Protein backbone atom coordinates (compact mmCIF):
# COMPACT_ATOMS: atom_id res chain seq x y z
CA MET A 1 -29.12 21.92 -16.13
CA VAL A 2 -25.72 22.99 -17.55
CA ASN A 3 -23.87 22.02 -14.16
CA PHE A 4 -25.53 18.66 -14.26
CA GLN A 5 -24.41 17.77 -17.84
CA LEU A 6 -20.93 19.08 -16.93
CA LYS A 7 -20.77 16.74 -13.92
CA GLU A 8 -22.06 13.87 -15.85
CA LYS A 9 -19.54 14.43 -18.60
CA LEU A 10 -16.60 14.65 -16.08
CA ALA A 11 -17.90 11.43 -14.34
CA LYS A 12 -17.93 9.52 -17.80
CA HIS A 13 -14.56 10.92 -18.63
CA GLY A 14 -13.16 9.54 -15.15
CA ILE A 15 -14.62 6.15 -15.72
CA SER A 16 -12.99 5.83 -19.12
CA SER A 17 -9.86 7.05 -17.78
CA ILE A 18 -9.68 4.36 -14.93
CA LEU A 19 -10.60 1.64 -17.51
CA LEU A 20 -7.63 2.77 -19.72
CA LEU A 21 -5.35 2.67 -16.62
CA LEU A 22 -6.35 -0.98 -16.22
CA ILE A 23 -4.95 -1.93 -19.57
CA PRO A 24 -1.19 -1.31 -18.77
CA LEU A 25 -1.52 -3.10 -15.37
CA ILE A 26 -3.23 -6.20 -16.99
CA ALA A 27 -0.47 -6.33 -19.58
CA LEU A 28 2.24 -6.04 -16.84
CA PHE A 29 0.60 -8.75 -14.95
CA PHE A 30 1.01 -11.25 -17.69
CA ILE A 31 4.51 -9.97 -18.67
CA SER A 32 5.65 -10.25 -14.89
CA PHE A 33 5.20 -14.23 -15.48
CA LEU A 34 7.95 -14.11 -18.08
CA ILE A 35 10.47 -11.95 -16.06
CA GLY A 36 13.01 -13.79 -13.90
CA ARG A 37 16.11 -15.84 -13.84
CA TYR A 38 14.52 -18.91 -15.40
CA PRO A 39 13.20 -18.13 -18.92
CA ILE A 40 9.52 -18.93 -19.54
CA SER A 41 7.88 -18.44 -22.89
CA PRO A 42 4.40 -16.49 -23.19
CA TYR A 43 3.10 -19.74 -24.83
CA GLU A 44 4.18 -21.97 -21.66
CA VAL A 45 2.46 -19.22 -19.38
CA ILE A 46 -0.81 -19.35 -21.31
CA LEU A 47 -0.63 -23.24 -21.23
CA ALA A 48 -0.14 -23.43 -17.65
CA ILE A 49 -2.85 -20.94 -16.83
CA SER A 50 -5.20 -22.64 -19.07
CA SER A 51 -4.49 -26.06 -17.49
CA LYS A 52 -5.46 -24.75 -13.99
CA ILE A 53 -8.66 -23.06 -15.37
CA THR A 54 -9.81 -26.04 -17.60
CA GLY A 55 -8.19 -28.77 -15.55
CA PHE A 56 -6.74 -30.18 -18.91
CA ASN A 57 -3.25 -31.53 -18.65
CA PHE A 58 -0.72 -29.97 -21.43
CA ASN A 59 2.22 -32.17 -20.29
CA LEU A 60 4.27 -29.17 -19.05
CA PRO A 61 7.35 -29.68 -16.98
CA GLN A 62 6.69 -29.71 -13.29
CA SER A 63 9.52 -27.07 -12.92
CA ILE A 64 7.68 -24.55 -15.02
CA GLU A 65 4.41 -24.96 -13.12
CA THR A 66 6.21 -24.72 -9.87
CA ILE A 67 7.86 -21.41 -10.85
CA ILE A 68 4.85 -19.93 -12.28
CA PHE A 69 2.23 -20.88 -9.38
CA GLN A 70 4.48 -21.21 -6.51
CA ILE A 71 7.09 -18.44 -6.90
CA ARG A 72 5.89 -15.79 -9.37
CA LEU A 73 2.13 -15.70 -9.02
CA PRO A 74 2.21 -14.95 -5.13
CA ARG A 75 4.71 -12.51 -5.87
CA ILE A 76 2.97 -10.69 -8.42
CA LEU A 77 -0.34 -11.03 -6.58
CA ALA A 78 1.40 -9.48 -3.52
CA ALA A 79 2.93 -6.59 -5.31
CA ILE A 80 -0.47 -5.62 -6.69
CA LEU A 81 -2.07 -5.80 -3.34
CA VAL A 82 0.48 -3.89 -1.43
CA GLY A 83 0.88 -1.31 -4.05
CA ALA A 84 -2.87 -0.73 -4.36
CA SER A 85 -3.28 -0.72 -0.46
CA LEU A 86 -0.64 1.67 0.19
CA SER A 87 -1.84 4.10 -2.55
CA ILE A 88 -5.56 4.23 -1.72
CA ALA A 89 -4.55 4.61 1.91
CA GLY A 90 -2.24 7.48 1.04
CA ALA A 91 -4.94 9.18 -0.95
CA SER A 92 -7.50 8.59 1.64
CA PHE A 93 -5.34 10.19 4.30
CA GLN A 94 -4.24 13.13 2.07
CA GLY A 95 -7.96 13.99 1.71
CA LEU A 96 -8.90 13.50 5.41
CA PHE A 97 -5.93 15.64 6.71
CA ARG A 98 -6.12 18.18 3.75
CA ASN A 99 -2.53 17.75 3.37
CA PRO A 100 -0.67 16.48 0.18
CA LEU A 101 2.40 15.56 2.37
CA VAL A 102 0.60 12.84 4.47
CA SER A 103 1.47 9.23 3.99
CA PRO A 104 -0.41 6.11 5.18
CA ASP A 105 2.29 5.65 8.14
CA LYS A 106 1.61 8.98 9.65
CA LEU A 107 -0.12 7.54 12.71
CA GLY A 108 2.65 5.33 13.44
CA VAL A 109 1.45 2.00 11.82
CA SER A 110 4.77 1.25 9.92
CA SER A 111 6.98 1.98 12.84
CA GLY A 112 4.75 -0.32 14.98
CA ALA A 113 4.83 -2.93 12.52
CA GLY A 114 8.57 -2.75 12.18
CA PHE A 115 8.92 -3.11 15.95
CA GLY A 116 6.52 -6.08 15.91
CA ALA A 117 8.45 -7.91 13.12
CA ALA A 118 11.83 -7.25 14.91
CA LEU A 119 10.44 -8.52 18.15
CA ALA A 120 9.31 -11.71 16.34
CA ILE A 121 12.59 -12.23 14.88
CA VAL A 122 14.49 -11.79 18.07
CA LEU A 123 12.24 -14.26 19.74
CA SER A 124 13.13 -16.67 16.82
CA GLY A 125 9.77 -16.86 15.50
CA GLY A 126 8.83 -18.28 11.99
CA TYR A 127 7.63 -16.36 9.00
CA PHE A 128 3.94 -16.49 10.02
CA PHE A 129 4.62 -15.26 13.64
CA ILE A 130 6.61 -12.36 12.21
CA GLN A 131 3.75 -11.37 9.85
CA ALA A 132 1.19 -11.76 12.65
CA SER A 133 3.29 -9.70 15.10
CA ALA A 134 4.14 -6.95 12.58
CA PHE A 135 0.24 -6.79 11.79
CA SER A 136 -0.71 -6.52 15.46
CA PHE A 137 1.74 -4.06 16.62
CA GLY A 138 0.92 -1.99 13.53
CA LEU A 139 -2.70 -1.85 14.82
CA LEU A 140 -1.71 -1.35 18.33
CA ALA A 141 0.42 1.77 17.35
CA VAL A 142 -2.37 3.54 15.83
CA VAL A 143 -4.96 2.48 18.55
CA VAL A 144 -2.47 3.77 21.15
CA CYS A 145 -2.07 6.96 19.08
CA TYR A 146 -5.89 7.58 18.77
CA LEU A 147 -6.47 6.99 22.60
CA LEU A 148 -3.68 9.23 23.34
CA SER A 149 -5.22 12.12 21.21
CA LYS A 150 -8.41 11.59 23.05
CA THR A 151 -6.86 12.60 26.43
CA PHE A 152 -6.25 16.15 25.00
CA LYS A 153 -9.11 18.80 25.05
CA GLY A 154 -10.34 19.99 21.77
CA THR A 155 -9.09 17.05 19.95
CA SER A 156 -8.37 17.64 16.37
CA MET A 157 -6.72 16.12 13.12
CA LEU A 158 -3.63 18.18 14.00
CA THR A 159 -3.54 16.50 17.57
CA LEU A 160 -3.71 13.19 15.98
CA VAL A 161 -0.96 13.73 13.84
CA LEU A 162 1.26 15.13 16.77
CA CYS A 163 0.42 12.17 18.68
CA GLY A 164 1.43 9.96 15.70
CA ILE A 165 4.74 11.48 15.52
CA ALA A 166 5.37 10.75 19.16
CA ILE A 167 4.37 7.16 18.71
CA GLU A 168 6.28 6.75 15.74
CA SER A 169 9.47 7.99 17.57
CA PHE A 170 8.72 5.46 20.55
CA PHE A 171 8.21 2.47 18.46
CA GLY A 172 11.36 3.81 16.34
CA ALA A 173 13.33 3.80 19.64
CA MET A 174 12.00 0.28 20.67
CA LEU A 175 13.15 -0.89 17.33
CA SER A 176 16.62 0.61 17.68
CA LEU A 177 16.84 -1.28 21.18
CA LEU A 178 15.96 -4.57 19.64
CA LYS A 179 18.38 -4.16 16.85
CA TYR A 180 20.92 -3.48 19.46
CA ILE A 181 20.37 -6.58 21.38
CA ALA A 182 19.76 -8.81 18.46
CA ASP A 183 22.28 -11.51 17.51
CA PRO A 184 24.60 -9.66 14.97
CA TYR A 185 25.15 -12.82 12.74
CA GLU A 186 21.64 -14.01 12.25
CA GLN A 187 18.88 -11.85 13.82
CA LEU A 188 20.29 -8.44 12.96
CA PRO A 189 20.79 -8.99 9.20
CA THR A 190 17.08 -10.52 9.01
CA ILE A 191 15.71 -7.44 10.89
CA VAL A 192 17.47 -5.02 8.58
CA PHE A 193 16.50 -6.80 5.35
CA TRP A 194 12.90 -7.14 6.49
CA LEU A 195 12.72 -3.26 7.17
CA MET A 196 14.12 -2.47 3.72
CA GLY A 197 10.97 -4.34 2.17
CA SER A 198 10.76 -7.37 0.13
CA LEU A 199 8.35 -9.98 -1.55
CA ALA A 200 10.96 -12.80 -1.98
CA SER A 201 9.65 -15.19 0.58
CA VAL A 202 5.90 -14.55 0.11
CA THR A 203 3.67 -17.61 -0.47
CA LEU A 204 -0.02 -17.84 -1.85
CA GLU A 205 -1.38 -18.79 1.56
CA GLN A 206 0.14 -15.53 3.01
CA VAL A 207 -1.28 -13.48 0.21
CA ILE A 208 -4.74 -14.72 0.79
CA MET A 209 -4.54 -14.08 4.22
CA VAL A 210 -3.61 -10.47 3.90
CA ALA A 211 -5.83 -10.02 0.99
CA ILE A 212 -8.97 -10.11 3.28
CA PRO A 213 -8.20 -7.07 5.43
CA MET A 214 -6.83 -5.10 2.37
CA ILE A 215 -9.93 -5.92 0.44
CA ILE A 216 -12.36 -5.25 3.27
CA GLY A 217 -10.82 -1.70 4.03
CA ALA A 218 -10.45 -0.84 0.30
CA THR A 219 -13.93 -1.69 -0.42
CA ILE A 220 -15.33 0.52 2.52
CA LEU A 221 -13.03 3.40 1.26
CA MET A 222 -14.26 2.95 -2.18
CA LEU A 223 -17.99 3.13 -0.99
CA ILE A 224 -17.42 6.35 1.11
CA ARG A 225 -15.03 8.13 -1.37
CA TRP A 226 -17.70 10.71 -2.24
CA ARG A 227 -17.81 11.51 1.54
CA ILE A 228 -14.09 12.15 1.62
CA ASN A 229 -14.53 14.84 -0.91
CA VAL A 230 -16.88 16.49 1.69
CA VAL A 231 -14.66 15.95 4.49
CA SER A 232 -11.62 17.33 2.65
CA MET A 233 -13.39 20.64 2.29
CA GLY A 234 -13.43 21.22 6.03
CA GLU A 235 -15.16 20.23 9.08
CA GLU A 236 -17.76 23.10 8.96
CA GLU A 237 -18.55 22.49 5.29
CA ALA A 238 -19.06 18.86 6.02
CA LEU A 239 -21.47 19.52 9.03
CA THR A 240 -23.64 21.91 6.95
CA MET A 241 -24.05 19.07 4.49
CA GLY A 242 -25.32 16.68 7.17
CA ILE A 243 -22.21 14.48 7.31
CA ASP A 244 -21.24 12.90 10.58
CA VAL A 245 -17.62 14.08 10.38
CA LYS A 246 -16.18 12.20 13.43
CA LYS A 247 -17.75 8.90 12.16
CA ILE A 248 -16.26 9.36 8.69
CA GLN A 249 -12.87 10.39 9.90
CA GLY A 250 -13.02 7.06 12.24
CA ILE A 251 -14.12 4.72 9.40
CA ILE A 252 -11.23 6.28 7.07
CA ILE A 253 -8.67 5.87 9.89
CA ILE A 254 -9.66 2.37 10.78
CA CYS A 255 -9.73 1.24 7.03
CA CYS A 256 -6.35 2.76 6.19
CA THR A 257 -4.77 1.44 9.27
CA LEU A 258 -6.08 -2.14 8.48
CA ILE A 259 -4.82 -2.09 4.93
CA THR A 260 -1.53 -0.60 5.72
CA ALA A 261 -0.96 -2.98 8.54
CA ALA A 262 -1.67 -5.82 6.40
CA ALA A 263 0.58 -4.48 3.50
CA VAL A 264 3.56 -3.86 5.76
CA SER A 265 3.05 -7.27 7.58
CA ILE A 266 3.85 -8.96 4.32
CA SER A 267 6.28 -6.75 2.51
CA GLY A 268 7.95 -4.88 5.05
CA ILE A 269 8.42 -1.16 5.06
CA ILE A 270 8.06 0.24 1.67
CA GLY A 271 8.00 4.05 1.58
CA TRP A 272 6.90 6.67 -1.02
CA ILE A 273 4.17 4.88 -2.84
CA GLY A 274 1.36 6.28 -0.47
CA LEU A 275 2.89 9.75 -0.95
CA VAL A 276 3.68 9.82 -4.58
CA ILE A 277 1.16 7.86 -6.53
CA PRO A 278 -1.74 9.85 -5.26
CA HIS A 279 0.03 13.00 -6.57
CA ILE A 280 0.35 11.37 -10.01
CA ALA A 281 -3.43 10.32 -10.06
CA ARG A 282 -4.48 13.76 -8.98
CA MET A 283 -2.42 15.34 -11.73
CA ILE A 284 -4.07 12.81 -14.38
CA LEU A 285 -7.63 12.96 -13.08
CA GLY A 286 -7.97 15.77 -10.60
CA PRO A 287 -8.77 15.94 -7.04
CA ASP A 288 -12.23 14.20 -7.15
CA HIS A 289 -11.86 11.24 -4.56
CA LYS A 290 -14.69 9.47 -6.61
CA VAL A 291 -12.19 9.08 -9.27
CA LEU A 292 -8.78 9.60 -7.37
CA LEU A 293 -9.17 6.67 -5.24
CA PRO A 294 -9.80 3.90 -8.03
CA ALA A 295 -6.93 5.71 -10.09
CA SER A 296 -4.50 5.52 -7.24
CA THR A 297 -5.30 2.05 -6.47
CA ILE A 298 -4.58 0.89 -10.06
CA LEU A 299 -1.29 3.10 -10.36
CA GLY A 300 -0.10 2.05 -7.06
CA ALA A 301 -0.58 -1.70 -8.02
CA PHE A 302 1.38 -1.18 -11.32
CA PHE A 303 4.02 0.90 -9.84
CA LEU A 304 5.05 -1.59 -7.27
CA LEU A 305 4.73 -4.51 -9.62
CA ALA A 306 7.09 -2.79 -12.17
CA ILE A 307 9.48 -2.05 -9.29
CA ASP A 308 9.43 -5.58 -7.96
CA ASN A 309 10.17 -6.94 -11.49
CA VAL A 310 13.27 -4.62 -11.51
CA SER A 311 14.23 -5.67 -8.10
CA ARG A 312 14.56 -9.28 -8.94
CA THR A 313 16.12 -8.85 -12.38
CA LEU A 314 18.34 -5.95 -12.25
CA THR A 315 21.26 -7.43 -10.64
CA THR A 316 22.37 -10.89 -9.44
CA VAL A 317 21.38 -10.03 -5.84
CA GLU A 318 17.85 -8.94 -5.26
CA ILE A 319 17.47 -5.18 -4.37
CA PRO A 320 15.22 -4.50 -1.37
CA LEU A 321 12.05 -2.74 -2.54
CA GLY A 322 12.35 0.07 -0.25
CA ILE A 323 15.68 1.17 -1.58
CA LEU A 324 14.17 1.40 -5.23
CA THR A 325 11.01 3.18 -4.21
CA ALA A 326 13.06 5.65 -2.28
CA LEU A 327 15.52 6.16 -5.12
CA ILE A 328 12.76 6.80 -7.70
CA GLY A 329 10.10 8.22 -5.44
CA ALA A 330 12.31 11.12 -3.73
CA PRO A 331 13.46 12.88 -6.67
CA PHE A 332 10.06 12.26 -8.66
CA PHE A 333 8.24 13.75 -5.66
CA ILE A 334 10.45 16.93 -5.92
CA TYR A 335 9.62 17.14 -9.53
CA LEU A 336 5.90 16.80 -8.76
CA LEU A 337 5.77 19.64 -6.23
CA LYS A 338 7.21 21.88 -8.72
CA LYS A 339 4.84 20.73 -11.50
CA SER A 340 1.62 20.33 -9.60
CA LYS A 341 1.12 23.34 -6.96
CA GLU A 342 -2.18 24.13 -8.55
CA VAL A 343 -3.50 20.46 -8.65
CA TRP A 344 -3.91 20.34 -4.93
CA VAL A 345 -7.08 21.92 -3.43
């Protein structure tokens, strides 16, 4: 009876904490519309959004509506989706592999997507072709990794990770080859800039397109998050509780790959989010994935949206997101390792 009351109390505390985490994200969402080279007042943002909702014409200048709905809104939504996706994938993978150093690109999805984007650029494809190629090759890399691991006897998560390292190295080499043969004046700078990560060219149509696999994958992970708790305790413990471990492992890998490939296809390679954000969530709310996954999702969305706001306003030239996340994530991760040794279980 005491244990049940304690669990119920912790569950309520977790839900209230998640709701509190939403407040800064909602506030930053509206503040982000005000940030940029072209100054827009909060009153103008409210009028523009009200006009879209109610259909009433407030006679705002066309330039303001264009900036809000065609430039800033797609970018804000993309930052929220990409940050949330990378974070929930990182938290899920860390639980699956029982390793706090695992990130969403551990099975080669980012290197595969990078190669796919570079290949599309070398072939002079448009932005949609680049995005589709990155998404396809990201999925292909993980499929090859999984099939390769199946060729070994006694297949385990360790074998899968080792195959992921090999696939990542292979696609990294192929990417270097494409950079070597690319046109140094047009194609090579485009490849390099894409690999550093950016949301500068995203449109609302592209956001909607990638939102579908992201939402599907994230929803499934949320629905099975209590099973991730069981799987993270070990395969033997999970089997004794009647959990089909192989099935759950496959679902987690598929969902994480889907949302990571979708995120990378629209933003380029942005590191550290899927590694650091779950640690922060774990420090705040503990290792229970029933609370950890929603918290990581919200914190990841907030973090990348804040980073993107800094990226487009700090200097006259936009700073690639991958540079900023690495500059902030690497030292902060070292700090977390020293402060949270007792948090990971």
